[in-house]
Amino acid sequence: MHRTYRLKARRDFRRVFRLGRSVANRQFVVFLRYRRPGEHDSFRLGISVSRKVGKAVVRNRIRRRVKEVVRSWANELKHDVDLIIIVRKPAVDLTFQQVESSLRHVMKKAKCFRSRSPE
């Protein structure tokens, strides 16, 4: 995922948690906050995976899967939004297609897509 799409600073995470809203399903929680026009020219994504989910190898694997799914939707996502995806423990056992399906479900609920969801 390109650097412009990353949400890394602690103050940015805190701002999304404080001012944004959340939508969840069993595998993921999505926090989102709409930015003012002109603040950034694309969406920004942060991913949080707790140590309760598993060891580093497991956490990094699920993080890579989530990044790849969101990267493939880059043209479909709204550009004026900051997203934080929190991975829950049940997501560890999912295949790539199931991760994609579950993320699509929760992001549709959060209304993160511009006009229609990716097929």
Protein backbone atom coordinates (compact mmCIF):
# COMPACT_ATOMS: atom_id res chain seq x y z
CA MET A 1 0.00 0.00 0.00
CA HIS A 2 1.38 3.39 -0.98
CA ARG A 3 2.60 5.81 1.68
CA THR A 4 -0.15 8.38 0.96
CA TYR A 5 -2.78 5.82 1.99
CA ARG A 6 -1.25 5.17 5.44
CA LEU A 7 -2.58 6.42 8.72
CA LYS A 8 0.32 6.08 11.14
CA ALA A 9 0.60 9.00 13.55
CA ARG A 10 -0.80 8.51 17.03
CA ARG A 11 -2.62 11.85 16.89
CA ASP A 12 -4.39 10.77 13.67
CA PHE A 13 -5.52 7.49 15.24
CA ARG A 14 -6.76 9.34 18.32
CA ARG A 15 -8.63 11.87 16.16
CA VAL A 16 -10.44 9.09 14.28
CA PHE A 17 -11.34 7.29 17.52
CA ARG A 18 -12.52 10.52 19.17
CA LEU A 19 -14.38 12.19 16.29
CA GLY A 20 -15.32 9.25 14.08
CA ARG A 21 -17.97 6.58 14.21
CA SER A 22 -17.67 2.81 14.25
CA VAL A 23 -19.31 -0.13 12.52
CA ALA A 24 -18.54 -3.75 13.36
CA ASN A 25 -19.17 -7.38 12.53
CA ARG A 26 -17.72 -10.50 14.16
CA GLN A 27 -14.33 -10.25 12.46
CA PHE A 28 -13.65 -6.52 12.06
CA VAL A 29 -14.41 -3.11 13.53
CA VAL A 30 -14.17 -0.10 11.20
CA PHE A 31 -13.77 3.39 12.62
CA LEU A 32 -14.16 6.18 10.09
CA ARG A 33 -13.94 9.93 10.13
CA TYR A 34 -14.70 12.25 7.24
CA ARG A 35 -12.07 14.93 6.67
CA ARG A 36 -12.51 18.49 5.51
CA PRO A 37 -12.16 19.01 1.74
CA GLY A 38 -8.57 19.58 0.69
CA GLU A 39 -7.05 18.05 3.82
CA HIS A 40 -5.74 15.02 1.86
CA ASP A 41 -6.42 13.83 -1.66
CA SER A 42 -7.07 10.15 -0.87
CA PHE A 43 -8.42 7.92 1.86
CA ARG A 44 -6.03 6.91 4.61
CA LEU A 45 -5.99 3.51 6.32
CA GLY A 46 -4.74 2.34 9.69
CA ILE A 47 -4.86 -1.29 10.80
CA SER A 48 -4.79 -2.40 14.42
CA VAL A 49 -4.25 -6.02 15.44
CA SER A 50 -4.03 -6.78 19.15
CA ARG A 51 -1.58 -9.26 20.61
CA LYS A 52 -4.61 -11.19 21.82
CA VAL A 53 -5.19 -12.18 18.18
CA GLY A 54 -1.96 -14.16 17.99
CA LYS A 55 1.79 -14.02 17.71
CA ALA A 56 3.59 -11.67 15.33
CA VAL A 57 3.47 -14.02 12.34
CA VAL A 58 -0.31 -14.38 12.64
CA ARG A 59 -0.88 -10.65 13.18
CA ASN A 60 1.30 -9.69 10.21
CA ARG A 61 -0.42 -12.23 7.94
CA ILE A 62 -3.89 -10.87 8.65
CA ARG A 63 -2.59 -7.30 8.35
CA ARG A 64 -1.17 -8.06 4.88
CA ARG A 65 -4.46 -9.63 3.80
CA VAL A 66 -6.47 -6.62 4.95
CA LYS A 67 -4.07 -4.20 3.22
CA GLU A 68 -4.29 -6.13 -0.04
CA VAL A 69 -8.09 -6.20 0.02
CA VAL A 70 -8.32 -2.47 0.71
CA ARG A 71 -5.64 -1.72 -1.91
CA SER A 72 -7.72 -3.53 -4.53
CA TRP A 73 -10.68 -1.27 -3.63
CA ALA A 74 -8.70 1.99 -3.76
CA ASN A 75 -10.70 3.35 -6.71
CA GLU A 76 -14.03 2.47 -5.08
CA LEU A 77 -13.46 4.01 -1.64
CA LYS A 78 -14.40 7.57 -0.74
CA HIS A 79 -11.36 9.85 -0.83
CA ASP A 80 -12.30 12.13 2.06
CA VAL A 81 -12.22 9.53 4.82
CA ASP A 82 -9.77 8.19 7.39
CA LEU A 83 -10.32 4.50 8.19
CA ILE A 84 -9.06 2.37 11.05
CA ILE A 85 -9.70 -1.35 10.79
CA ILE A 86 -9.44 -3.31 14.02
CA VAL A 87 -9.02 -7.04 13.51
CA ARG A 88 -10.82 -9.35 15.92
CA LYS A 89 -9.71 -12.86 16.81
CA PRO A 90 -12.23 -14.75 14.56
CA ALA A 91 -10.62 -13.14 11.48
CA VAL A 92 -7.47 -15.24 11.94
CA ASP A 93 -9.14 -18.41 10.68
CA LEU A 94 -10.53 -16.82 7.49
CA THR A 95 -9.27 -17.42 3.96
CA PHE A 96 -8.41 -14.46 1.75
CA GLN A 97 -11.83 -14.60 0.06
CA GLN A 98 -13.60 -14.70 3.43
CA VAL A 99 -11.56 -11.72 4.65
CA GLU A 100 -12.59 -9.84 1.51
CA SER A 101 -16.25 -10.76 1.97
CA SER A 102 -16.31 -9.83 5.66
CA LEU A 103 -14.55 -6.51 5.04
CA ARG A 104 -16.92 -5.72 2.17
CA HIS A 105 -19.86 -6.37 4.50
CA VAL A 106 -18.62 -4.11 7.30
CA MET A 107 -17.45 -1.36 4.95
CA LYS A 108 -20.80 -1.33 3.15
CA LYS A 109 -22.46 -0.88 6.54
CA ALA A 110 -20.08 2.02 7.21
CA LYS A 111 -20.84 3.53 3.77
CA CYS A 112 -17.16 3.72 2.80
CA PHE A 113 -17.72 3.07 -0.91
CA ARG A 114 -18.36 5.90 -3.35
CA SER A 115 -21.19 4.69 -5.55
CA ARG A 116 -21.26 0.92 -5.41
CA SER A 117 -19.21 -1.81 -3.78
CA PRO A 118 -16.57 -3.76 -5.73
CA GLU A 119 -17.73 -7.00 -7.27
